[in-house]
Amino acid sequence: MEVFKTPHGVGYRVDSQRADLTPGANLLRLLALAREKHGATAPVMVLLDPRVPIEQIDYVDGVAAKVPLGNLHYFEFSRDTQKMAEIEFGPTIPYSKNPPLN
């Protein structure tokens, strides 16, 4: 899956189908089709354009939970450098201006 910047906001591509260009398709429908094709536990690589808001991670997680898909792996992907880095999450902690660093 790819999350990318468009002139009008954010676009999504799942299995080569764009949610904004495929008639009758939206992200939920494309993820449901991917689940049918690959299975509910198949790993899903989510490639994030560094120009999209970080909140897209929460949005994609929420839509994927409705399908349900739970094996998502997030990567920031730069077309310019042709490199990507996995985004990993730790446990949630209460907000603080001095969080623990361990």
Protein backbone atom coordinates (compact mmCIF):
# COMPACT_ATOMS: atom_id res chain seq x y z
CA MET A 1 0.00 0.00 0.00
CA GLU A 2 1.21 3.52 -0.75
CA VAL A 3 0.14 6.81 0.87
CA PHE A 4 1.25 9.78 -1.23
CA LYS A 5 0.82 13.52 -1.70
CA THR A 6 -1.48 14.74 -4.45
CA PRO A 7 -2.28 18.29 -5.58
CA HIS A 8 -5.59 17.96 -3.72
CA GLY A 9 -4.39 16.25 -0.52
CA VAL A 10 -3.51 12.60 0.10
CA GLY A 11 -3.89 9.63 -2.24
CA TYR A 12 -3.86 5.88 -1.59
CA ARG A 13 -2.78 2.96 -3.76
CA VAL A 14 -3.44 -0.67 -2.82
CA ASP A 15 -2.36 -3.52 -5.12
CA SER A 16 -1.81 -1.01 -7.95
CA GLN A 17 -5.31 0.49 -7.66
CA ARG A 18 -5.65 4.13 -6.66
CA ALA A 19 -8.54 4.89 -4.34
CA ASP A 20 -9.08 8.29 -5.98
CA LEU A 21 -9.04 7.01 -9.58
CA THR A 22 -10.77 3.63 -9.44
CA PRO A 23 -14.55 4.02 -9.93
CA GLY A 24 -16.47 3.09 -6.77
CA ALA A 25 -13.28 2.49 -4.82
CA ASN A 26 -12.19 4.00 -1.57
CA LEU A 27 -9.47 2.98 0.87
CA LEU A 28 -11.78 0.73 2.91
CA ARG A 29 -12.94 -1.14 -0.18
CA LEU A 30 -9.42 -1.54 -1.57
CA LEU A 31 -8.14 -2.90 1.76
CA ALA A 32 -11.10 -5.32 1.92
CA LEU A 33 -10.24 -6.57 -1.57
CA ALA A 34 -6.59 -6.98 -0.53
CA ARG A 35 -7.70 -8.99 2.51
CA GLU A 36 -9.78 -11.29 0.29
CA LYS A 37 -6.86 -11.75 -2.09
CA HIS A 38 -3.96 -12.11 0.39
CA GLY A 39 -5.63 -13.10 3.69
CA ALA A 40 -6.22 -11.30 6.98
CA THR A 41 -2.78 -12.05 8.42
CA ALA A 42 -0.69 -11.21 5.36
CA PRO A 43 1.90 -8.51 6.05
CA VAL A 44 0.95 -5.15 4.56
CA MET A 45 3.75 -2.71 3.75
CA VAL A 46 2.50 0.86 4.04
CA LEU A 47 4.84 3.21 2.15
CA LEU A 48 4.42 6.79 3.38
CA ASP A 49 5.44 9.76 1.30
CA PRO A 50 7.41 12.03 3.70
CA ARG A 51 5.25 14.97 2.53
CA VAL A 52 1.99 13.55 3.95
CA PRO A 53 0.93 14.38 7.53
CA ILE A 54 2.05 11.89 10.17
CA GLU A 55 -1.61 11.57 11.20
CA GLN A 56 -2.07 9.37 8.13
CA ILE A 57 -0.66 6.51 10.20
CA ASP A 58 -3.63 6.76 12.59
CA TYR A 59 -6.05 7.07 9.67
CA VAL A 60 -4.70 4.00 7.85
CA ASP A 61 -4.66 2.03 11.14
CA GLY A 62 -8.30 2.93 11.75
CA VAL A 63 -9.45 1.96 8.27
CA ALA A 64 -7.43 -1.27 8.36
CA ALA A 65 -9.00 -2.19 11.72
CA LYS A 66 -12.45 -2.04 10.10
CA VAL A 67 -11.50 -4.63 7.45
CA PRO A 68 -9.83 -6.15 9.72
CA LEU A 69 -6.14 -6.16 8.84
CA GLY A 70 -3.61 -6.08 11.64
CA ASN A 71 -0.19 -6.92 10.24
CA LEU A 72 0.74 -3.44 8.98
CA HIS A 73 4.36 -2.31 8.70
CA TYR A 74 5.00 1.38 8.08
CA PHE A 75 7.90 2.75 6.05
CA GLU A 76 8.84 6.28 5.09
CA PHE A 77 9.76 6.14 1.42
CA SER A 78 11.63 8.81 -0.53
CA ARG A 79 11.32 8.68 -4.30
CA ASP A 80 14.21 11.14 -4.59
CA THR A 81 16.74 8.93 -2.80
CA GLN A 82 15.00 5.59 -3.52
CA LYS A 83 15.45 4.67 0.14
CA MET A 84 13.01 3.76 2.88
CA ALA A 85 13.12 3.38 6.65
CA GLU A 86 10.73 1.41 8.83
CA ILE A 87 8.75 3.38 11.39
CA GLU A 88 8.57 1.51 14.68
CA PHE A 89 6.33 2.29 17.63
CA GLY A 90 7.00 1.86 21.32
CA PRO A 91 4.42 1.66 24.07
CA THR A 92 2.21 4.69 24.62
CA ILE A 93 3.08 6.89 27.58
CA PRO A 94 1.38 9.89 29.20
CA TYR A 95 2.23 13.24 27.65
CA SER A 96 5.18 14.97 29.30
CA LYS A 97 7.71 17.65 28.38
CA ASN A 98 10.30 15.41 30.07
CA PRO A 99 9.50 11.84 28.97
CA PRO A 100 11.64 8.95 30.13
CA LEU A 101 14.39 8.17 27.64
CA ASN A 102 14.81 4.49 28.45
